[in-house]
Structure formats: structure tokens, C-alpha cells
N, C-alpha and C. Protein backbone atom coordinates (compact mmCIF):
# COMPACT_ATOMS: atom_id res chain seq x y z
N MET A 1 -62.29 9.89 -6.41
CA MET A 1 -60.90 9.52 -6.11
C MET A 1 -60.50 8.29 -6.94
N PRO A 2 -59.31 8.33 -7.55
CA PRO A 2 -58.94 7.18 -8.39
C PRO A 2 -58.72 5.92 -7.55
N SER A 3 -58.93 4.81 -8.20
CA SER A 3 -58.81 3.52 -7.55
C SER A 3 -57.34 3.08 -7.59
N ARG A 4 -56.84 2.57 -6.47
CA ARG A 4 -55.44 2.14 -6.39
C ARG A 4 -55.31 0.69 -6.86
N PRO A 5 -54.36 0.40 -7.76
CA PRO A 5 -54.22 -0.98 -8.22
C PRO A 5 -53.60 -1.89 -7.16
N VAL A 6 -54.10 -3.12 -7.09
CA VAL A 6 -53.52 -4.16 -6.24
C VAL A 6 -53.11 -5.28 -7.20
N VAL A 7 -51.78 -5.48 -7.32
CA VAL A 7 -51.26 -6.48 -8.25
C VAL A 7 -51.24 -7.85 -7.58
N LEU A 8 -51.80 -8.84 -8.27
CA LEU A 8 -51.82 -10.21 -7.75
C LEU A 8 -50.76 -11.03 -8.47
N ASP A 9 -49.81 -11.57 -7.71
CA ASP A 9 -48.76 -12.42 -8.29
C ASP A 9 -49.31 -13.83 -8.48
N THR A 10 -48.67 -14.60 -9.34
CA THR A 10 -49.12 -15.96 -9.65
C THR A 10 -49.32 -16.79 -8.38
N ASN A 11 -48.32 -16.76 -7.48
CA ASN A 11 -48.40 -17.63 -6.30
C ASN A 11 -49.56 -17.27 -5.37
N ILE A 12 -49.95 -16.01 -5.34
CA ILE A 12 -51.06 -15.61 -4.46
C ILE A 12 -52.39 -16.10 -5.04
N LEU A 13 -52.44 -16.25 -6.35
CA LEU A 13 -53.67 -16.74 -6.99
C LEU A 13 -53.87 -18.24 -6.76
N LEU A 14 -52.83 -18.94 -6.32
CA LEU A 14 -52.93 -20.37 -6.02
C LEU A 14 -53.38 -20.60 -4.57
N VAL A 15 -53.35 -19.55 -3.76
CA VAL A 15 -53.69 -19.64 -2.33
C VAL A 15 -55.11 -20.14 -2.06
N PRO A 16 -56.14 -19.69 -2.81
CA PRO A 16 -57.49 -20.17 -2.48
C PRO A 16 -57.59 -21.70 -2.47
N PHE A 17 -56.90 -22.35 -3.38
CA PHE A 17 -56.95 -23.81 -3.40
C PHE A 17 -56.10 -24.39 -2.27
N GLN A 18 -54.91 -23.83 -2.05
CA GLN A 18 -53.98 -24.37 -1.06
C GLN A 18 -54.50 -24.22 0.37
N PHE A 19 -55.08 -23.06 0.69
CA PHE A 19 -55.46 -22.79 2.08
C PHE A 19 -56.94 -22.52 2.29
N LYS A 20 -57.75 -22.68 1.25
CA LYS A 20 -59.20 -22.44 1.34
C LYS A 20 -59.51 -21.03 1.82
N ILE A 21 -58.83 -20.06 1.22
CA ILE A 21 -59.02 -18.65 1.59
C ILE A 21 -59.53 -17.89 0.37
N ASP A 22 -60.51 -17.02 0.58
CA ASP A 22 -60.98 -16.12 -0.47
C ASP A 22 -60.03 -14.92 -0.49
N ILE A 23 -59.03 -15.00 -1.35
CA ILE A 23 -57.96 -14.01 -1.36
C ILE A 23 -58.47 -12.60 -1.68
N LEU A 24 -59.45 -12.49 -2.57
CA LEU A 24 -59.98 -11.16 -2.91
C LEU A 24 -60.69 -10.54 -1.72
N ARG A 25 -61.45 -11.36 -1.00
CA ARG A 25 -62.15 -10.85 0.19
C ARG A 25 -61.15 -10.42 1.26
N GLU A 26 -60.12 -11.24 1.46
CA GLU A 26 -59.08 -10.89 2.44
C GLU A 26 -58.44 -9.55 2.09
N LEU A 27 -58.14 -9.36 0.82
CA LEU A 27 -57.51 -8.11 0.39
C LEU A 27 -58.48 -6.93 0.50
N ASP A 28 -59.75 -7.18 0.25
CA ASP A 28 -60.75 -6.12 0.42
C ASP A 28 -60.77 -5.61 1.85
N PHE A 29 -60.62 -6.54 2.82
CA PHE A 29 -60.58 -6.14 4.23
C PHE A 29 -59.29 -5.40 4.56
N LEU A 30 -58.18 -5.86 3.98
CA LEU A 30 -56.87 -5.31 4.30
C LEU A 30 -56.63 -3.93 3.70
N VAL A 31 -56.97 -3.77 2.43
CA VAL A 31 -56.69 -2.52 1.72
C VAL A 31 -57.82 -1.53 1.99
N ASP A 32 -57.49 -0.47 2.74
CA ASP A 32 -58.54 0.45 3.21
C ASP A 32 -58.73 1.66 2.31
N VAL A 33 -58.29 1.54 1.06
CA VAL A 33 -58.56 2.61 0.08
C VAL A 33 -59.31 1.99 -1.10
N ASN A 34 -59.95 2.84 -1.90
CA ASN A 34 -60.62 2.38 -3.10
C ASN A 34 -59.59 1.67 -3.98
N HIS A 35 -59.86 0.44 -4.39
CA HIS A 35 -58.86 -0.33 -5.13
C HIS A 35 -59.48 -1.24 -6.18
N HIS A 36 -58.64 -1.71 -7.09
CA HIS A 36 -59.03 -2.71 -8.07
C HIS A 36 -57.84 -3.66 -8.25
N PHE A 37 -58.10 -4.84 -8.76
CA PHE A 37 -57.06 -5.85 -8.89
C PHE A 37 -56.53 -5.90 -10.31
N VAL A 38 -55.22 -6.09 -10.45
CA VAL A 38 -54.61 -6.24 -11.77
C VAL A 38 -53.70 -7.46 -11.78
N VAL A 39 -53.60 -8.05 -12.98
CA VAL A 39 -52.78 -9.23 -13.20
C VAL A 39 -52.10 -9.06 -14.55
N SER A 40 -50.86 -9.48 -14.64
CA SER A 40 -50.15 -9.46 -15.92
C SER A 40 -50.65 -10.58 -16.81
N SER A 41 -50.68 -10.33 -18.11
CA SER A 41 -51.09 -11.39 -19.05
C SER A 41 -50.13 -12.57 -18.95
N ARG A 42 -48.88 -12.32 -18.56
CA ARG A 42 -47.92 -13.41 -18.39
C ARG A 42 -48.28 -14.27 -17.16
N THR A 43 -48.89 -13.65 -16.16
CA THR A 43 -49.36 -14.41 -14.99
C THR A 43 -50.43 -15.40 -15.45
N VAL A 44 -51.33 -14.94 -16.32
CA VAL A 44 -52.39 -15.82 -16.84
C VAL A 44 -51.75 -17.00 -17.59
N LYS A 45 -50.71 -16.70 -18.38
CA LYS A 45 -50.01 -17.77 -19.10
C LYS A 45 -49.37 -18.77 -18.13
N GLU A 46 -48.78 -18.25 -17.05
CA GLU A 46 -48.19 -19.13 -16.03
C GLU A 46 -49.27 -20.03 -15.42
N LEU A 47 -50.43 -19.44 -15.11
CA LEU A 47 -51.52 -20.22 -14.52
C LEU A 47 -52.02 -21.29 -15.50
N GLU A 48 -52.08 -20.93 -16.78
CA GLU A 48 -52.51 -21.91 -17.79
C GLU A 48 -51.54 -23.08 -17.84
N ALA A 49 -50.23 -22.80 -17.76
CA ALA A 49 -49.22 -23.85 -17.77
C ALA A 49 -49.35 -24.72 -16.51
N ILE A 50 -49.51 -24.08 -15.35
CA ILE A 50 -49.68 -24.82 -14.09
C ILE A 50 -50.93 -25.67 -14.15
N GLY A 51 -52.00 -25.10 -14.74
CA GLY A 51 -53.29 -25.80 -14.82
C GLY A 51 -53.25 -27.07 -15.66
N LYS A 52 -52.25 -27.20 -16.52
CA LYS A 52 -52.12 -28.41 -17.34
C LYS A 52 -51.56 -29.59 -16.55
N ALA A 53 -50.96 -29.29 -15.40
CA ALA A 53 -50.35 -30.35 -14.59
C ALA A 53 -51.43 -31.23 -13.95
N ILE A 54 -51.01 -32.42 -13.61
CA ILE A 54 -51.92 -33.36 -12.93
C ILE A 54 -51.65 -33.21 -11.43
N GLY A 55 -52.69 -33.37 -10.63
CA GLY A 55 -52.51 -33.31 -9.18
C GLY A 55 -52.89 -31.96 -8.60
N LYS A 56 -52.40 -31.73 -7.37
CA LYS A 56 -52.81 -30.53 -6.61
C LYS A 56 -52.42 -29.23 -7.30
N ASN A 57 -51.21 -29.15 -7.84
CA ASN A 57 -50.79 -27.91 -8.51
C ASN A 57 -51.68 -27.60 -9.70
N GLY A 58 -51.96 -28.62 -10.49
CA GLY A 58 -52.82 -28.43 -11.66
C GLY A 58 -54.20 -27.95 -11.26
N MET A 59 -54.74 -28.57 -10.20
CA MET A 59 -56.06 -28.15 -9.71
C MET A 59 -56.02 -26.71 -9.22
N ALA A 60 -54.95 -26.34 -8.52
CA ALA A 60 -54.81 -24.97 -8.01
C ALA A 60 -54.76 -23.98 -9.18
N GLY A 61 -54.03 -24.33 -10.23
CA GLY A 61 -53.92 -23.47 -11.40
C GLY A 61 -55.26 -23.30 -12.09
N ARG A 62 -55.98 -24.39 -12.25
CA ARG A 62 -57.30 -24.32 -12.90
C ARG A 62 -58.29 -23.52 -12.06
N LEU A 63 -58.25 -23.68 -10.75
CA LEU A 63 -59.13 -22.91 -9.87
C LEU A 63 -58.80 -21.42 -9.94
N ALA A 64 -57.50 -21.09 -10.01
CA ALA A 64 -57.09 -19.68 -10.11
C ALA A 64 -57.62 -19.07 -11.40
N LEU A 65 -57.55 -19.81 -12.50
CA LEU A 65 -58.07 -19.32 -13.78
C LEU A 65 -59.58 -19.12 -13.71
N LYS A 66 -60.28 -20.04 -13.04
CA LYS A 66 -61.74 -19.90 -12.86
C LYS A 66 -62.05 -18.64 -12.07
N MET A 67 -61.25 -18.39 -11.02
CA MET A 67 -61.46 -17.20 -10.19
C MET A 67 -61.26 -15.93 -11.04
N LEU A 68 -60.23 -15.92 -11.88
CA LEU A 68 -60.00 -14.75 -12.75
C LEU A 68 -61.19 -14.55 -13.68
N ASN A 69 -61.65 -15.63 -14.29
CA ASN A 69 -62.78 -15.54 -15.23
C ASN A 69 -64.08 -15.12 -14.54
N ALA A 70 -64.26 -15.54 -13.29
CA ALA A 70 -65.48 -15.21 -12.55
C ALA A 70 -65.46 -13.77 -12.03
N ASN A 71 -64.30 -13.13 -12.05
CA ASN A 71 -64.17 -11.78 -11.48
C ASN A 71 -63.65 -10.77 -12.50
N THR A 72 -64.06 -10.93 -13.75
CA THR A 72 -63.57 -10.02 -14.79
C THR A 72 -63.97 -8.57 -14.51
N ASP A 73 -65.02 -8.37 -13.72
CA ASP A 73 -65.43 -7.01 -13.36
C ASP A 73 -64.48 -6.38 -12.34
N ARG A 74 -63.74 -7.20 -11.60
CA ARG A 74 -62.87 -6.69 -10.53
C ARG A 74 -61.38 -6.87 -10.81
N ILE A 75 -61.04 -7.80 -11.71
CA ILE A 75 -59.63 -8.08 -11.99
C ILE A 75 -59.34 -7.74 -13.44
N LYS A 76 -58.44 -6.79 -13.63
CA LYS A 76 -58.07 -6.36 -14.98
C LYS A 76 -56.78 -7.07 -15.38
N ILE A 77 -56.79 -7.68 -16.56
CA ILE A 77 -55.58 -8.32 -17.08
C ILE A 77 -54.89 -7.32 -17.99
N ILE A 78 -53.61 -7.06 -17.71
CA ILE A 78 -52.85 -6.08 -18.47
C ILE A 78 -51.82 -6.81 -19.34
N GLU A 79 -51.86 -6.52 -20.64
CA GLU A 79 -50.93 -7.16 -21.59
C GLU A 79 -49.50 -6.80 -21.24
N SER A 80 -48.62 -7.80 -21.27
CA SER A 80 -47.21 -7.57 -20.99
C SER A 80 -46.35 -8.64 -21.65
N ASP A 81 -45.18 -8.21 -22.12
CA ASP A 81 -44.21 -9.15 -22.67
C ASP A 81 -43.04 -9.34 -21.70
N MET A 82 -43.05 -8.60 -20.59
CA MET A 82 -41.95 -8.68 -19.63
C MET A 82 -42.09 -9.92 -18.75
N GLU A 83 -40.97 -10.32 -18.13
CA GLU A 83 -41.02 -11.36 -17.10
C GLU A 83 -41.99 -10.86 -16.03
N VAL A 84 -42.73 -11.77 -15.42
CA VAL A 84 -43.78 -11.37 -14.47
C VAL A 84 -43.21 -10.52 -13.33
N ASP A 85 -42.14 -10.97 -12.67
CA ASP A 85 -41.60 -10.21 -11.53
C ASP A 85 -41.13 -8.82 -11.94
N ASP A 86 -40.46 -8.73 -13.11
CA ASP A 86 -39.98 -7.42 -13.58
C ASP A 86 -41.17 -6.50 -13.86
N TRP A 87 -42.22 -7.05 -14.49
CA TRP A 87 -43.42 -6.26 -14.79
C TRP A 87 -44.06 -5.77 -13.49
N ILE A 88 -44.15 -6.66 -12.51
CA ILE A 88 -44.79 -6.28 -11.23
C ILE A 88 -44.04 -5.11 -10.60
N VAL A 89 -42.71 -5.18 -10.55
CA VAL A 89 -41.92 -4.10 -9.95
C VAL A 89 -42.13 -2.79 -10.71
N GLU A 90 -42.02 -2.85 -12.05
CA GLU A 90 -42.18 -1.64 -12.87
C GLU A 90 -43.59 -1.06 -12.75
N PHE A 91 -44.60 -1.93 -12.87
CA PHE A 91 -45.99 -1.48 -12.79
C PHE A 91 -46.27 -0.86 -11.42
N ALA A 92 -45.82 -1.53 -10.37
CA ALA A 92 -46.08 -1.04 -9.01
C ALA A 92 -45.46 0.33 -8.78
N LYS A 93 -44.22 0.51 -9.23
CA LYS A 93 -43.55 1.80 -9.06
C LYS A 93 -44.27 2.89 -9.86
N ALA A 94 -44.66 2.58 -11.08
CA ALA A 94 -45.27 3.58 -11.96
C ALA A 94 -46.69 3.94 -11.54
N ASN A 95 -47.38 3.02 -10.84
CA ASN A 95 -48.81 3.24 -10.54
C ASN A 95 -49.13 3.28 -9.04
N ARG A 96 -48.10 3.41 -8.20
CA ARG A 96 -48.31 3.40 -6.74
C ARG A 96 -49.16 2.19 -6.32
N ALA A 97 -48.91 1.06 -6.95
CA ALA A 97 -49.71 -0.14 -6.68
C ALA A 97 -49.27 -0.83 -5.40
N ILE A 98 -50.20 -1.58 -4.83
CA ILE A 98 -49.91 -2.49 -3.73
C ILE A 98 -49.72 -3.85 -4.40
N VAL A 99 -48.74 -4.63 -3.95
CA VAL A 99 -48.50 -5.94 -4.56
C VAL A 99 -48.75 -7.02 -3.53
N CYS A 100 -49.48 -8.06 -3.95
CA CYS A 100 -49.72 -9.20 -3.08
C CYS A 100 -48.96 -10.40 -3.64
N THR A 101 -47.94 -10.86 -2.91
CA THR A 101 -47.11 -11.98 -3.36
C THR A 101 -46.54 -12.73 -2.16
N ASN A 102 -46.28 -14.01 -2.36
CA ASN A 102 -45.59 -14.81 -1.34
C ASN A 102 -44.14 -15.07 -1.73
N ASP A 103 -43.70 -14.49 -2.84
CA ASP A 103 -42.35 -14.70 -3.36
C ASP A 103 -41.37 -13.82 -2.59
N SER A 104 -40.48 -14.43 -1.80
CA SER A 104 -39.58 -13.64 -0.93
C SER A 104 -38.59 -12.79 -1.72
N ASN A 105 -38.08 -13.29 -2.85
CA ASN A 105 -37.16 -12.47 -3.66
C ASN A 105 -37.87 -11.26 -4.22
N LEU A 106 -39.09 -11.46 -4.73
CA LEU A 106 -39.87 -10.35 -5.26
C LEU A 106 -40.21 -9.36 -4.15
N ARG A 107 -40.54 -9.87 -2.99
CA ARG A 107 -40.86 -8.97 -1.85
C ARG A 107 -39.67 -8.08 -1.51
N ARG A 108 -38.46 -8.65 -1.53
CA ARG A 108 -37.25 -7.85 -1.26
C ARG A 108 -37.09 -6.75 -2.31
N ARG A 109 -37.27 -7.11 -3.60
CA ARG A 109 -37.15 -6.12 -4.67
C ARG A 109 -38.17 -5.00 -4.49
N LEU A 110 -39.40 -5.36 -4.14
CA LEU A 110 -40.45 -4.37 -3.97
C LEU A 110 -40.18 -3.47 -2.78
N LYS A 111 -39.71 -4.05 -1.68
CA LYS A 111 -39.39 -3.27 -0.48
C LYS A 111 -38.32 -2.23 -0.80
N SER A 112 -37.27 -2.65 -1.53
CA SER A 112 -36.20 -1.69 -1.84
C SER A 112 -36.70 -0.62 -2.81
N ALA A 113 -37.76 -0.91 -3.55
CA ALA A 113 -38.36 0.09 -4.44
C ALA A 113 -39.45 0.90 -3.73
N LYS A 114 -39.59 0.68 -2.43
CA LYS A 114 -40.57 1.38 -1.59
C LYS A 114 -42.02 1.12 -2.01
N VAL A 115 -42.30 -0.12 -2.41
CA VAL A 115 -43.64 -0.52 -2.81
C VAL A 115 -44.31 -1.23 -1.63
N LYS A 116 -45.58 -0.94 -1.40
CA LYS A 116 -46.34 -1.57 -0.32
C LYS A 116 -46.65 -3.02 -0.72
N VAL A 117 -46.35 -3.97 0.18
CA VAL A 117 -46.48 -5.39 -0.14
C VAL A 117 -47.36 -6.10 0.89
N ALA A 118 -48.26 -6.94 0.37
CA ALA A 118 -49.09 -7.79 1.22
C ALA A 118 -48.74 -9.24 0.89
N ALA A 119 -48.86 -10.12 1.89
CA ALA A 119 -48.56 -11.54 1.68
C ALA A 119 -49.32 -12.37 2.71
N MET A 120 -49.26 -13.67 2.54
CA MET A 120 -49.86 -14.57 3.52
C MET A 120 -49.05 -14.45 4.81
N LYS A 121 -49.72 -14.22 5.93
CA LYS A 121 -49.06 -14.09 7.21
C LYS A 121 -49.10 -15.42 7.95
N SER A 122 -50.21 -16.08 7.84
CA SER A 122 -50.35 -17.41 8.42
C SER A 122 -51.13 -18.17 7.37
N LYS A 123 -51.58 -19.36 7.67
CA LYS A 123 -52.33 -20.10 6.66
C LYS A 123 -53.77 -19.60 6.55
N SER A 124 -54.11 -18.55 7.31
CA SER A 124 -55.50 -18.12 7.28
C SER A 124 -55.70 -16.64 6.98
N ARG A 125 -54.62 -15.86 6.89
CA ARG A 125 -54.84 -14.43 6.65
C ARG A 125 -53.74 -13.78 5.84
N VAL A 126 -54.09 -12.64 5.26
CA VAL A 126 -53.18 -11.83 4.46
C VAL A 126 -52.90 -10.56 5.26
N ALA A 127 -51.66 -10.10 5.22
CA ALA A 127 -51.30 -8.87 5.94
C ALA A 127 -50.20 -8.15 5.19
N PHE A 128 -50.02 -6.86 5.54
CA PHE A 128 -48.91 -6.12 4.95
C PHE A 128 -47.62 -6.60 5.60
N VAL A 129 -46.55 -6.69 4.79
CA VAL A 129 -45.26 -7.17 5.33
C VAL A 129 -44.21 -6.08 5.18
């Protein structure tokens, strides 16, 4: 059976630092079908820019990049020139992907496109919204 893509938005990749949550493990528990994680190359660029900052945001960005590098077997980076949110919507529709994001505007766009969305429900867990 083919593996279903789970798209990780930039803001969800900052969660492990912000809330001390293993986001991949949380999603593994939540998504009950065979799945793999995908990220846009533009998301990686956003994280690199965030990682250059000083303070908590910069640390969160650098930690997110470390997590991506440590999980190259589970997280596929897909080349894209599109804006991240536009790419996520298009990719999700074309690939029946599940999207994990805390961005409320993006969540609304995905809902109207009938895409399954997961997000932080409390400071300790991820759930479908």
C-alpha cells in the first residue's frame, strides 16, 4: 500500500523547541495509515532564515533544521519555487496529503479544499482539526 504524505509547515517544525514535543512521534501516533513526511524546499529556506536570528526564534529554527537533517530517512524535501502556503495547498490536493500546520489562514484554505489538517491542540498534543 502506498505511503500517504504528511506535509510539515514551517511553524509546526518550530514546535519541538517551543513546547518540548517530539512532533514526528506525535504525528506517528495520530496518523493511523502508512505515511511519510514531506517539506517544501522553501520551508527549509524559511527555517534557515529564522535560524540566523538571535534568541528563542533563532534557536527554534536551528533545532528544526537539525531535526530535518537527523531524519532524512523519514522526511523528504521537495524542490519548489512556489510560496510555501500555495505549495502546501497544491501538493496536498494533488497527493491526498495530510497537512500539519498551526497557521489559521492556511488551515482555512486547506479545509475549503477538503484537505485533512492536523495542528497543535494544546501545548502538549497534536490532533486533527
